[in-house]
N, C-alpha and C. Protein backbone atom coordinates (compact mmCIF):
# COMPACT_ATOMS: atom_id res chain seq x y z
N MET A 1 0.83 -1.21 0.00
CA MET A 1 0.00 0.00 0.00
C MET A 1 0.86 1.25 0.00
N GLY A 2 2.05 1.16 0.59
CA GLY A 2 2.92 2.31 0.66
C GLY A 2 3.32 2.83 -0.71
N ALA A 3 3.34 1.95 -1.72
CA ALA A 3 3.72 2.37 -3.06
C ALA A 3 2.61 3.21 -3.70
N ILE A 4 1.39 3.05 -3.26
CA ILE A 4 0.26 3.78 -3.80
C ILE A 4 0.03 5.07 -3.02
N LEU A 5 0.15 4.96 -1.71
CA LEU A 5 -0.08 6.09 -0.81
C LEU A 5 1.19 6.39 -0.02
N LEU A 6 1.44 7.65 0.25
CA LEU A 6 2.49 8.00 1.19
C LEU A 6 2.13 7.41 2.55
N ASN A 7 3.13 6.95 3.28
CA ASN A 7 2.85 6.34 4.59
C ASN A 7 2.03 7.25 5.48
N ARG A 8 2.31 8.54 5.41
CA ARG A 8 1.57 9.52 6.21
C ARG A 8 0.08 9.48 5.92
N ASP A 9 -0.29 9.14 4.66
CA ASP A 9 -1.68 9.24 4.23
C ASP A 9 -2.46 7.94 4.38
N ILE A 10 -1.81 6.86 4.78
CA ILE A 10 -2.52 5.58 4.92
C ILE A 10 -3.64 5.66 5.98
N PRO A 11 -3.40 6.22 7.17
CA PRO A 11 -4.50 6.33 8.14
C PRO A 11 -5.66 7.18 7.62
N THR A 12 -5.35 8.21 6.83
CA THR A 12 -6.40 9.05 6.26
C THR A 12 -7.24 8.25 5.28
N TRP A 13 -6.58 7.47 4.43
CA TRP A 13 -7.28 6.62 3.47
C TRP A 13 -8.17 5.61 4.20
N LEU A 14 -7.65 4.99 5.24
CA LEU A 14 -8.43 3.98 5.97
C LEU A 14 -9.64 4.60 6.65
N ALA A 15 -9.53 5.87 7.05
CA ALA A 15 -10.68 6.55 7.66
C ALA A 15 -11.73 6.90 6.61
N ALA A 16 -11.29 7.28 5.42
CA ALA A 16 -12.22 7.69 4.36
C ALA A 16 -12.84 6.50 3.63
N LYS A 17 -12.11 5.41 3.50
CA LYS A 17 -12.50 4.28 2.66
C LYS A 17 -13.90 3.73 2.92
N PRO A 18 -14.38 3.61 4.16
CA PRO A 18 -15.72 3.05 4.36
C PRO A 18 -16.84 3.86 3.70
N TYR A 19 -16.58 5.12 3.39
CA TYR A 19 -17.58 5.99 2.77
C TYR A 19 -17.44 6.05 1.25
N LEU A 20 -16.49 5.30 0.71
CA LEU A 20 -16.18 5.42 -0.72
C LEU A 20 -16.60 4.19 -1.52
N ASP A 21 -17.52 3.40 -0.96
CA ASP A 21 -17.92 2.17 -1.65
C ASP A 21 -19.15 2.35 -2.53
N VAL A 22 -19.35 3.57 -3.04
CA VAL A 22 -20.44 3.83 -3.99
C VAL A 22 -19.84 4.41 -5.27
N ARG A 23 -20.42 4.03 -6.40
CA ARG A 23 -20.05 4.45 -7.75
C ARG A 23 -18.54 4.50 -7.98
N SER A 24 -17.83 3.49 -7.51
CA SER A 24 -16.38 3.34 -7.69
C SER A 24 -15.58 4.50 -7.11
N ASN A 25 -16.11 5.14 -6.07
CA ASN A 25 -15.41 6.28 -5.51
C ASN A 25 -14.09 5.90 -4.83
N ASP A 26 -13.97 4.66 -4.39
CA ASP A 26 -12.69 4.25 -3.82
C ASP A 26 -11.59 4.27 -4.89
N GLU A 27 -11.90 3.70 -6.04
CA GLU A 27 -10.92 3.70 -7.14
C GLU A 27 -10.70 5.12 -7.66
N HIS A 28 -11.79 5.86 -7.82
CA HIS A 28 -11.68 7.25 -8.26
C HIS A 28 -10.77 8.05 -7.34
N THR A 29 -10.91 7.84 -6.05
CA THR A 29 -10.13 8.61 -5.07
C THR A 29 -8.65 8.28 -5.17
N LEU A 30 -8.31 7.01 -5.30
CA LEU A 30 -6.90 6.63 -5.40
C LEU A 30 -6.26 7.16 -6.69
N ILE A 31 -7.01 7.12 -7.78
CA ILE A 31 -6.48 7.66 -9.04
C ILE A 31 -6.33 9.18 -8.95
N SER A 32 -7.31 9.85 -8.37
CA SER A 32 -7.23 11.30 -8.20
C SER A 32 -6.06 11.67 -7.29
N TYR A 33 -5.81 10.86 -6.30
CA TYR A 33 -4.68 11.07 -5.40
C TYR A 33 -3.37 11.06 -6.18
N GLN A 34 -3.21 10.08 -7.07
CA GLN A 34 -1.98 10.01 -7.88
C GLN A 34 -1.89 11.17 -8.86
N LEU A 35 -3.02 11.58 -9.43
CA LEU A 35 -3.02 12.74 -10.32
C LEU A 35 -2.66 14.01 -9.56
N ALA A 36 -3.13 14.12 -8.33
CA ALA A 36 -2.78 15.26 -7.49
C ALA A 36 -1.28 15.27 -7.20
N ARG A 37 -0.71 14.12 -6.96
CA ARG A 37 0.74 14.05 -6.71
C ARG A 37 1.52 14.48 -7.95
N ALA A 38 1.03 14.10 -9.13
CA ALA A 38 1.69 14.54 -10.37
C ALA A 38 1.62 16.05 -10.51
N LEU A 39 0.47 16.63 -10.21
CA LEU A 39 0.33 18.09 -10.29
C LEU A 39 1.20 18.78 -9.24
N LEU A 40 1.30 18.19 -8.07
CA LEU A 40 2.11 18.79 -7.00
C LEU A 40 3.59 18.84 -7.38
N LYS A 41 4.05 17.88 -8.15
CA LYS A 41 5.44 17.92 -8.61
C LYS A 41 5.69 19.13 -9.49
N LEU A 42 4.66 19.57 -10.20
CA LEU A 42 4.78 20.74 -11.07
C LEU A 42 4.52 22.03 -10.32
N HIS A 43 3.96 21.91 -9.12
CA HIS A 43 3.63 23.08 -8.30
C HIS A 43 4.16 22.87 -6.88
N PRO A 44 5.48 22.87 -6.70
CA PRO A 44 6.05 22.60 -5.38
C PRO A 44 5.71 23.65 -4.33
N GLU A 45 5.21 24.80 -4.78
CA GLU A 45 4.84 25.86 -3.84
C GLU A 45 3.51 25.57 -3.14
N VAL A 46 2.74 24.61 -3.65
CA VAL A 46 1.44 24.28 -3.08
C VAL A 46 1.62 23.28 -1.94
N ASP A 47 0.85 23.43 -0.89
CA ASP A 47 0.99 22.57 0.29
C ASP A 47 0.49 21.15 0.01
N GLU A 48 1.42 20.22 -0.01
CA GLU A 48 1.11 18.84 -0.38
C GLU A 48 0.15 18.16 0.59
N VAL A 49 0.39 18.28 1.87
CA VAL A 49 -0.42 17.54 2.84
C VAL A 49 -1.87 18.02 2.82
N THR A 50 -2.09 19.29 2.60
CA THR A 50 -3.46 19.81 2.51
C THR A 50 -4.17 19.24 1.29
N VAL A 51 -3.49 19.26 0.15
CA VAL A 51 -4.10 18.76 -1.09
C VAL A 51 -4.42 17.28 -0.97
N LEU A 52 -3.48 16.48 -0.52
CA LEU A 52 -3.69 15.03 -0.50
C LEU A 52 -4.70 14.61 0.57
N THR A 53 -4.73 15.31 1.67
CA THR A 53 -5.76 15.02 2.69
C THR A 53 -7.15 15.34 2.15
N ALA A 54 -7.27 16.48 1.48
CA ALA A 54 -8.57 16.86 0.91
C ALA A 54 -9.01 15.89 -0.18
N ILE A 55 -8.08 15.46 -1.00
CA ILE A 55 -8.41 14.50 -2.07
C ILE A 55 -8.96 13.20 -1.48
N LEU A 56 -8.34 12.72 -0.43
CA LEU A 56 -8.78 11.44 0.13
C LEU A 56 -10.18 11.50 0.73
N PHE A 57 -10.60 12.69 1.16
CA PHE A 57 -11.92 12.83 1.77
C PHE A 57 -12.94 13.52 0.86
N HIS A 58 -12.54 13.98 -0.33
CA HIS A 58 -13.40 14.92 -1.06
C HIS A 58 -14.75 14.34 -1.46
N ASP A 59 -14.85 13.04 -1.71
CA ASP A 59 -16.10 12.47 -2.20
C ASP A 59 -16.81 11.56 -1.21
N VAL A 60 -16.45 11.61 0.05
CA VAL A 60 -17.10 10.72 1.03
C VAL A 60 -18.59 11.02 1.17
N GLY A 61 -19.01 12.23 0.83
CA GLY A 61 -20.41 12.61 0.98
C GLY A 61 -21.36 11.91 0.04
N TRP A 62 -20.86 11.35 -1.06
CA TRP A 62 -21.76 10.61 -1.96
C TRP A 62 -22.37 9.40 -1.27
N LYS A 63 -21.75 8.95 -0.19
CA LYS A 63 -22.29 7.82 0.58
C LYS A 63 -23.69 8.12 1.09
N MET A 64 -24.01 9.40 1.28
CA MET A 64 -25.28 9.80 1.85
C MET A 64 -26.34 10.13 0.80
N VAL A 65 -26.01 9.96 -0.47
CA VAL A 65 -26.94 10.24 -1.57
C VAL A 65 -27.59 8.94 -2.01
N PRO A 66 -28.92 8.93 -2.26
CA PRO A 66 -29.58 7.70 -2.72
C PRO A 66 -28.89 7.11 -3.95
N VAL A 67 -28.61 5.82 -3.89
CA VAL A 67 -27.85 5.16 -4.96
C VAL A 67 -28.54 5.32 -6.31
N ASP A 68 -29.88 5.26 -6.31
CA ASP A 68 -30.60 5.31 -7.58
C ASP A 68 -30.58 6.70 -8.22
N LYS A 69 -30.06 7.70 -7.51
CA LYS A 69 -30.01 9.06 -8.06
C LYS A 69 -28.58 9.50 -8.39
N LEU A 70 -27.61 8.65 -8.11
CA LEU A 70 -26.22 9.05 -8.29
C LEU A 70 -25.90 9.44 -9.73
N ALA A 71 -26.22 8.57 -10.68
CA ALA A 71 -25.88 8.85 -12.07
C ALA A 71 -26.59 10.08 -12.60
N ASP A 72 -27.79 10.34 -12.08
CA ASP A 72 -28.58 11.47 -12.57
C ASP A 72 -28.26 12.78 -11.86
N SER A 73 -27.23 12.77 -11.02
CA SER A 73 -26.87 14.00 -10.30
C SER A 73 -25.63 14.68 -10.88
N VAL A 74 -25.04 14.07 -11.92
CA VAL A 74 -23.83 14.62 -12.53
C VAL A 74 -23.98 14.63 -14.05
N GLY A 75 -23.02 15.26 -14.71
CA GLY A 75 -23.03 15.30 -16.17
C GLY A 75 -23.50 16.63 -16.71
N PRO A 76 -23.51 16.76 -18.04
CA PRO A 76 -23.91 18.04 -18.66
C PRO A 76 -25.35 18.45 -18.37
N LYS A 77 -26.25 17.46 -18.23
CA LYS A 77 -27.66 17.77 -17.99
C LYS A 77 -28.20 16.91 -16.84
N PRO A 78 -27.74 17.18 -15.62
CA PRO A 78 -28.17 16.35 -14.49
C PRO A 78 -29.64 16.55 -14.13
N LYS A 79 -30.28 15.46 -13.76
CA LYS A 79 -31.67 15.51 -13.32
C LYS A 79 -31.79 16.03 -11.90
N TYR A 80 -30.78 15.73 -11.09
CA TYR A 80 -30.78 16.16 -9.68
C TYR A 80 -29.49 16.94 -9.39
N PRO A 81 -29.30 18.10 -9.98
CA PRO A 81 -28.04 18.84 -9.78
C PRO A 81 -27.82 19.26 -8.34
N GLU A 82 -28.89 19.39 -7.58
CA GLU A 82 -28.76 19.81 -6.18
C GLU A 82 -28.00 18.79 -5.34
N LEU A 83 -27.95 17.53 -5.80
CA LEU A 83 -27.26 16.51 -5.04
C LEU A 83 -25.74 16.69 -5.08
N GLN A 84 -25.24 17.41 -6.06
CA GLN A 84 -23.82 17.72 -6.05
C GLN A 84 -23.47 18.55 -4.82
N ARG A 85 -24.33 19.50 -4.51
CA ARG A 85 -24.11 20.31 -3.31
C ARG A 85 -24.32 19.48 -2.04
N VAL A 86 -25.31 18.60 -2.07
CA VAL A 86 -25.58 17.75 -0.91
C VAL A 86 -24.34 16.92 -0.57
N HIS A 87 -23.69 16.36 -1.57
CA HIS A 87 -22.54 15.50 -1.27
C HIS A 87 -21.37 16.29 -0.70
N GLU A 88 -21.26 17.57 -1.05
CA GLU A 88 -20.22 18.40 -0.46
C GLU A 88 -20.51 18.68 1.02
N VAL A 89 -21.76 19.05 1.31
CA VAL A 89 -22.16 19.34 2.69
C VAL A 89 -22.01 18.08 3.56
N GLU A 90 -22.49 16.96 3.05
CA GLU A 90 -22.37 15.71 3.81
C GLU A 90 -20.91 15.30 3.95
N GLY A 91 -20.11 15.59 2.93
CA GLY A 91 -18.69 15.26 3.00
C GLY A 91 -17.99 16.02 4.11
N VAL A 92 -18.33 17.28 4.28
CA VAL A 92 -17.76 18.07 5.36
C VAL A 92 -18.16 17.48 6.71
N ALA A 93 -19.44 17.11 6.85
CA ALA A 93 -19.93 16.54 8.11
C ALA A 93 -19.23 15.23 8.44
N ILE A 94 -18.98 14.42 7.43
CA ILE A 94 -18.30 13.14 7.66
C ILE A 94 -16.82 13.36 7.97
N ALA A 95 -16.18 14.23 7.21
CA ALA A 95 -14.73 14.41 7.32
C ALA A 95 -14.32 15.08 8.63
N ARG A 96 -15.12 16.01 9.12
CA ARG A 96 -14.70 16.83 10.28
C ARG A 96 -14.25 15.98 11.48
N PRO A 97 -15.07 15.06 12.00
CA PRO A 97 -14.61 14.31 13.18
C PRO A 97 -13.40 13.43 12.89
N HIS A 98 -13.34 12.88 11.69
CA HIS A 98 -12.20 12.04 11.34
C HIS A 98 -10.92 12.85 11.29
N LEU A 99 -10.98 14.03 10.69
CA LEU A 99 -9.78 14.87 10.59
C LEU A 99 -9.31 15.33 11.96
N HIS A 100 -10.24 15.65 12.83
CA HIS A 100 -9.84 16.03 14.20
C HIS A 100 -9.21 14.85 14.93
N ALA A 101 -9.77 13.65 14.73
CA ALA A 101 -9.23 12.47 15.39
C ALA A 101 -7.85 12.10 14.84
N LEU A 102 -7.66 12.27 13.52
CA LEU A 102 -6.38 11.93 12.89
C LEU A 102 -5.28 12.89 13.33
N ALA A 103 -5.65 14.16 13.52
CA ALA A 103 -4.67 15.18 13.95
C ALA A 103 -3.39 15.11 13.11
N ILE A 104 -3.54 15.19 11.80
CA ILE A 104 -2.41 15.06 10.88
C ILE A 104 -1.49 16.28 11.01
N PRO A 105 -0.20 16.06 11.28
CA PRO A 105 0.73 17.19 11.41
C PRO A 105 0.72 18.06 10.14
N GLY A 106 0.63 19.35 10.34
CA GLY A 106 0.66 20.28 9.21
C GLY A 106 -0.67 20.53 8.56
N VAL A 107 -1.73 19.85 9.03
CA VAL A 107 -3.05 20.01 8.43
C VAL A 107 -3.93 20.89 9.30
N ASP A 108 -4.45 21.95 8.68
CA ASP A 108 -5.47 22.77 9.33
C ASP A 108 -6.82 22.21 8.91
N VAL A 109 -7.56 21.67 9.86
CA VAL A 109 -8.81 20.96 9.55
C VAL A 109 -9.79 21.86 8.80
N GLU A 110 -9.96 23.08 9.23
CA GLU A 110 -10.94 23.96 8.58
C GLU A 110 -10.53 24.29 7.15
N THR A 111 -9.25 24.36 6.88
CA THR A 111 -8.78 24.60 5.51
C THR A 111 -9.16 23.44 4.61
N VAL A 112 -8.93 22.22 5.09
CA VAL A 112 -9.30 21.04 4.29
C VAL A 112 -10.81 20.98 4.09
N LEU A 113 -11.56 21.25 5.14
CA LEU A 113 -13.02 21.21 5.02
C LEU A 113 -13.53 22.26 4.04
N SER A 114 -12.90 23.41 4.01
CA SER A 114 -13.34 24.45 3.08
C SER A 114 -13.10 24.04 1.63
N ILE A 115 -12.09 23.22 1.40
CA ILE A 115 -11.84 22.70 0.04
C ILE A 115 -12.91 21.67 -0.32
N ILE A 116 -13.19 20.75 0.58
CA ILE A 116 -14.23 19.74 0.33
C ILE A 116 -15.57 20.43 0.07
N ASP A 117 -15.85 21.47 0.83
CA ASP A 117 -17.11 22.19 0.74
C ASP A 117 -17.09 23.16 -0.46
N GLY A 118 -17.26 22.59 -1.64
CA GLY A 118 -17.26 23.40 -2.85
C GLY A 118 -16.38 22.88 -3.95
N HIS A 119 -15.79 21.69 -3.76
CA HIS A 119 -14.85 21.20 -4.78
C HIS A 119 -15.52 20.94 -6.12
N ASP A 120 -16.83 20.71 -6.14
CA ASP A 120 -17.56 20.54 -7.41
C ASP A 120 -18.38 21.77 -7.79
N THR A 121 -19.09 22.34 -6.84
CA THR A 121 -20.07 23.37 -7.18
C THR A 121 -19.50 24.79 -7.17
N ARG A 122 -18.42 25.02 -6.45
CA ARG A 122 -17.85 26.38 -6.40
C ARG A 122 -17.05 26.65 -7.66
N LYS A 123 -17.41 27.68 -8.38
CA LYS A 123 -16.79 27.97 -9.67
C LYS A 123 -15.43 28.64 -9.52
N HIS A 124 -15.24 29.39 -8.43
CA HIS A 124 -13.95 30.06 -8.23
C HIS A 124 -13.09 29.23 -7.28
N VAL A 125 -11.79 29.52 -7.27
CA VAL A 125 -10.90 28.81 -6.36
C VAL A 125 -10.59 29.70 -5.16
N ILE A 126 -10.38 29.08 -4.01
CA ILE A 126 -10.14 29.85 -2.79
C ILE A 126 -8.68 29.78 -2.35
N SER A 127 -7.91 28.92 -3.00
CA SER A 127 -6.49 28.79 -2.65
C SER A 127 -5.81 27.94 -3.71
N PRO A 128 -4.48 27.97 -3.79
CA PRO A 128 -3.77 27.07 -4.72
C PRO A 128 -4.05 25.60 -4.42
N GLU A 129 -4.25 25.29 -3.15
CA GLU A 129 -4.55 23.90 -2.77
C GLU A 129 -5.92 23.48 -3.29
N ASP A 130 -6.89 24.36 -3.15
CA ASP A 130 -8.23 24.10 -3.69
C ASP A 130 -8.16 23.89 -5.20
N GLU A 131 -7.36 24.69 -5.88
CA GLU A 131 -7.25 24.60 -7.33
C GLU A 131 -6.73 23.23 -7.77
N LEU A 132 -5.71 22.73 -7.08
CA LEU A 132 -5.16 21.43 -7.48
C LEU A 132 -6.09 20.28 -7.13
N VAL A 133 -6.85 20.40 -6.05
CA VAL A 133 -7.85 19.37 -5.73
C VAL A 133 -8.91 19.33 -6.82
N LYS A 134 -9.43 20.48 -7.20
CA LYS A 134 -10.41 20.55 -8.29
C LYS A 134 -9.83 19.95 -9.57
N GLU A 135 -8.58 20.27 -9.85
CA GLU A 135 -7.95 19.82 -11.09
C GLU A 135 -7.76 18.31 -11.11
N ALA A 136 -7.26 17.76 -10.03
CA ALA A 136 -7.05 16.31 -9.97
C ALA A 136 -8.37 15.55 -10.05
N ASP A 137 -9.39 16.09 -9.40
CA ASP A 137 -10.72 15.47 -9.44
C ASP A 137 -11.24 15.41 -10.86
N LYS A 138 -11.13 16.50 -11.60
CA LYS A 138 -11.59 16.53 -12.99
C LYS A 138 -10.75 15.63 -13.88
N LEU A 139 -9.44 15.63 -13.66
CA LEU A 139 -8.55 14.85 -14.51
C LEU A 139 -8.90 13.37 -14.51
N TRP A 140 -9.40 12.86 -13.39
CA TRP A 140 -9.78 11.44 -13.34
C TRP A 140 -10.75 11.09 -14.46
N ARG A 141 -11.65 12.01 -14.80
CA ARG A 141 -12.68 11.71 -15.79
C ARG A 141 -12.07 11.35 -17.14
N PHE A 142 -10.89 11.87 -17.42
CA PHE A 142 -10.25 11.63 -18.72
C PHE A 142 -9.46 10.33 -18.75
N THR A 143 -9.21 9.73 -17.60
CA THR A 143 -8.44 8.49 -17.56
C THR A 143 -9.27 7.34 -18.12
N SER A 144 -8.61 6.23 -18.44
CA SER A 144 -9.34 5.07 -18.95
C SER A 144 -10.37 4.59 -17.93
N HIS A 145 -10.01 4.64 -16.64
CA HIS A 145 -10.96 4.25 -15.60
C HIS A 145 -12.14 5.21 -15.57
N GLY A 146 -11.86 6.50 -15.70
CA GLY A 146 -12.92 7.49 -15.70
C GLY A 146 -13.86 7.33 -16.88
N VAL A 147 -13.29 7.14 -18.06
CA VAL A 147 -14.12 6.97 -19.26
C VAL A 147 -15.00 5.74 -19.13
N LYS A 148 -14.42 4.63 -18.69
CA LYS A 148 -15.20 3.39 -18.52
C LYS A 148 -16.31 3.58 -17.50
N THR A 149 -16.01 4.26 -16.40
CA THR A 149 -17.01 4.49 -15.36
C THR A 149 -18.14 5.37 -15.86
N ILE A 150 -17.79 6.45 -16.56
CA ILE A 150 -18.80 7.38 -17.07
C ILE A 150 -19.65 6.72 -18.15
N CYS A 151 -19.05 5.87 -18.96
CA CYS A 151 -19.82 5.10 -19.94
C CYS A 151 -20.91 4.30 -19.22
N GLY A 152 -20.56 3.71 -18.09
CA GLY A 152 -21.52 2.93 -17.32
C GLY A 152 -22.62 3.79 -16.71
N TRP A 153 -22.27 4.99 -16.25
CA TRP A 153 -23.27 5.87 -15.66
C TRP A 153 -24.36 6.24 -16.67
N PHE A 154 -23.93 6.63 -17.85
CA PHE A 154 -24.85 7.21 -18.82
C PHE A 154 -25.24 6.27 -19.96
N GLY A 155 -24.64 5.07 -19.98
CA GLY A 155 -24.94 4.13 -21.05
C GLY A 155 -24.48 4.62 -22.40
N THR A 156 -23.37 5.37 -22.42
CA THR A 156 -22.85 5.92 -23.67
C THR A 156 -21.61 5.15 -24.11
N PRO A 157 -21.37 5.03 -25.41
CA PRO A 157 -20.16 4.36 -25.89
C PRO A 157 -18.93 5.24 -25.65
N PRO A 158 -17.75 4.64 -25.66
CA PRO A 158 -16.52 5.42 -25.40
C PRO A 158 -16.35 6.63 -26.31
N LYS A 159 -16.65 6.48 -27.60
CA LYS A 159 -16.48 7.61 -28.53
C LYS A 159 -17.29 8.81 -28.07
N GLU A 160 -18.54 8.56 -27.71
CA GLU A 160 -19.43 9.63 -27.27
C GLU A 160 -19.00 10.20 -25.92
N THR A 161 -18.53 9.33 -25.04
CA THR A 161 -18.10 9.77 -23.72
C THR A 161 -16.86 10.66 -23.81
N VAL A 162 -15.87 10.24 -24.60
CA VAL A 162 -14.66 11.05 -24.75
C VAL A 162 -14.99 12.38 -25.41
N ALA A 163 -15.88 12.39 -26.38
CA ALA A 163 -16.28 13.64 -27.03
C ALA A 163 -16.97 14.56 -26.03
N MET A 164 -17.80 14.00 -25.17
CA MET A 164 -18.47 14.80 -24.14
C MET A 164 -17.46 15.42 -23.18
N LEU A 165 -16.47 14.63 -22.78
CA LEU A 165 -15.44 15.15 -21.88
C LEU A 165 -14.65 16.28 -22.54
N GLU A 166 -14.34 16.10 -23.81
CA GLU A 166 -13.59 17.13 -24.52
C GLU A 166 -14.40 18.43 -24.63
N ASP A 167 -15.69 18.29 -24.89
CA ASP A 167 -16.54 19.48 -25.07
C ASP A 167 -16.94 20.13 -23.75
N PHE A 168 -17.22 19.31 -22.75
CA PHE A 168 -17.84 19.82 -21.52
C PHE A 168 -16.84 20.02 -20.37
N VAL A 169 -15.90 19.10 -20.21
CA VAL A 169 -15.01 19.15 -19.04
C VAL A 169 -13.69 19.84 -19.36
N LEU A 170 -13.12 19.58 -20.52
CA LEU A 170 -11.82 20.17 -20.86
C LEU A 170 -11.80 21.69 -20.71
N PRO A 171 -12.84 22.42 -21.16
CA PRO A 171 -12.81 23.88 -20.98
C PRO A 171 -12.84 24.32 -19.52
N GLN A 172 -13.18 23.41 -18.61
CA GLN A 172 -13.25 23.76 -17.18
C GLN A 172 -11.91 23.60 -16.45
N MET A 173 -10.90 23.07 -17.14
CA MET A 173 -9.61 22.90 -16.48
C MET A 173 -9.05 24.26 -16.09
N LEU A 174 -8.42 24.32 -14.94
CA LEU A 174 -8.05 25.59 -14.33
C LEU A 174 -6.60 26.00 -14.54
N THR A 175 -5.72 25.03 -14.74
CA THR A 175 -4.30 25.33 -14.84
C THR A 175 -3.75 24.87 -16.19
N LYS A 176 -2.64 25.49 -16.58
CA LYS A 176 -1.98 25.10 -17.82
C LYS A 176 -1.55 23.64 -17.77
N ASP A 177 -1.01 23.22 -16.64
CA ASP A 177 -0.55 21.84 -16.51
C ASP A 177 -1.71 20.86 -16.51
N GLY A 178 -2.79 21.21 -15.81
CA GLY A 178 -3.95 20.34 -15.79
C GLY A 178 -4.56 20.19 -17.16
N ARG A 179 -4.63 21.28 -17.90
CA ARG A 179 -5.19 21.22 -19.26
C ARG A 179 -4.31 20.36 -20.17
N ALA A 180 -2.99 20.51 -20.03
CA ALA A 180 -2.08 19.70 -20.86
C ALA A 180 -2.25 18.22 -20.56
N MET A 181 -2.38 17.88 -19.28
CA MET A 181 -2.58 16.48 -18.91
C MET A 181 -3.92 15.98 -19.44
N ALA A 182 -4.95 16.80 -19.35
CA ALA A 182 -6.28 16.41 -19.84
C ALA A 182 -6.26 16.22 -21.35
N GLU A 183 -5.58 17.11 -22.07
CA GLU A 183 -5.51 16.99 -23.52
C GLU A 183 -4.78 15.71 -23.93
N ALA A 184 -3.73 15.35 -23.20
CA ALA A 184 -3.02 14.11 -23.49
C ALA A 184 -3.93 12.90 -23.25
N LEU A 185 -4.70 12.94 -22.17
CA LEU A 185 -5.61 11.84 -21.88
C LEU A 185 -6.75 11.77 -22.89
N VAL A 186 -7.23 12.93 -23.37
CA VAL A 186 -8.25 12.94 -24.43
C VAL A 186 -7.70 12.26 -25.68
N ALA A 187 -6.46 12.59 -26.04
CA ALA A 187 -5.85 11.97 -27.23
C ALA A 187 -5.77 10.45 -27.07
N GLN A 188 -5.37 10.01 -25.87
CA GLN A 188 -5.31 8.57 -25.61
C GLN A 188 -6.70 7.95 -25.65
N GLY A 189 -7.68 8.65 -25.06
CA GLY A 189 -9.05 8.14 -25.05
C GLY A 189 -9.64 8.06 -26.45
N GLN A 190 -9.36 9.05 -27.27
CA GLN A 190 -9.84 9.01 -28.65
C GLN A 190 -9.22 7.84 -29.41
N ALA A 191 -7.92 7.65 -29.22
CA ALA A 191 -7.25 6.55 -29.90
C ALA A 191 -7.84 5.21 -29.50
N MET A 192 -8.09 5.03 -28.19
CA MET A 192 -8.65 3.77 -27.72
C MET A 192 -10.08 3.59 -28.22
N ALA A 193 -10.86 4.68 -28.25
CA ALA A 193 -12.26 4.58 -28.69
C ALA A 193 -12.37 4.21 -30.16
N TRP A 194 -11.41 4.67 -30.95
CA TRP A 194 -11.46 4.45 -32.39
C TRP A 194 -10.57 3.30 -32.84
N LEU A 195 -9.86 2.68 -31.92
CA LEU A 195 -8.85 1.68 -32.29
C LEU A 195 -9.43 0.52 -33.08
N ASP A 196 -10.54 -0.03 -32.63
CA ASP A 196 -11.13 -1.17 -33.33
C ASP A 196 -11.53 -0.79 -34.74
N ASP A 197 -12.14 0.39 -34.91
CA ASP A 197 -12.53 0.83 -36.24
C ASP A 197 -11.31 0.98 -37.16
N MET A 198 -10.26 1.56 -36.62
CA MET A 198 -9.07 1.80 -37.43
C MET A 198 -8.39 0.49 -37.80
N MET A 199 -8.40 -0.47 -36.88
CA MET A 199 -7.79 -1.77 -37.18
C MET A 199 -8.60 -2.50 -38.24
N LYS A 200 -9.92 -2.39 -38.17
CA LYS A 200 -10.77 -3.01 -39.19
C LYS A 200 -10.54 -2.37 -40.55
N LEU A 201 -10.35 -1.04 -40.53
CA LEU A 201 -10.08 -0.33 -41.78
C LEU A 201 -8.78 -0.81 -42.39
N GLU A 202 -7.77 -1.01 -41.55
CA GLU A 202 -6.49 -1.49 -42.03
C GLU A 202 -6.62 -2.90 -42.60
N ASP A 203 -7.41 -3.74 -41.92
CA ASP A 203 -7.59 -5.12 -42.40
C ASP A 203 -8.33 -5.17 -43.72
N ALA A 204 -9.18 -4.16 -43.98
CA ALA A 204 -9.99 -4.17 -45.19
C ALA A 204 -9.21 -3.75 -46.43
N ARG A 205 -8.03 -3.19 -46.23
CA ARG A 205 -7.25 -2.69 -47.38
C ARG A 205 -6.65 -3.83 -48.19
């Protein structure tokens, strides 16, 4: 586990994990954590422990949202957009006692909670740490795991899902580095989505 998480962050992960067993949020969180670490290497001025602590707890609030409404609460045209805000509020309520109990050195609990409280619905950023949490969270959507998961949510094929991400999510990237990473993942996603067609075209020649 140490190869995936910094030793310092293992207790934080274990505290958050019981709340992440809906809509693949456990896997999403670990991938977002690694994406955040990649962004932190490019932004050494940003406080690492704050970003990674917030990432590990950012989506615990989805545990409190009815399972049958999860898929319809996100995307370009959500049926229940208010649930995005609900999961942030519930996430703060869940994270607060755990963060106080963990007493992570260098972590200001209220700072982390303020990042969780608005990581999806708040359009502006409140700190460099908030910006990287938002960025890592969005970047997951472009990964192969993100594309596969989103295909399952909406019943859309990979080609359509990658196109939606390029049109809807890519313009929302906040940093030059985050956008570059997203564009690279879009290119990979497009290649994978079209690979079978291109191979068939080659075989037909």
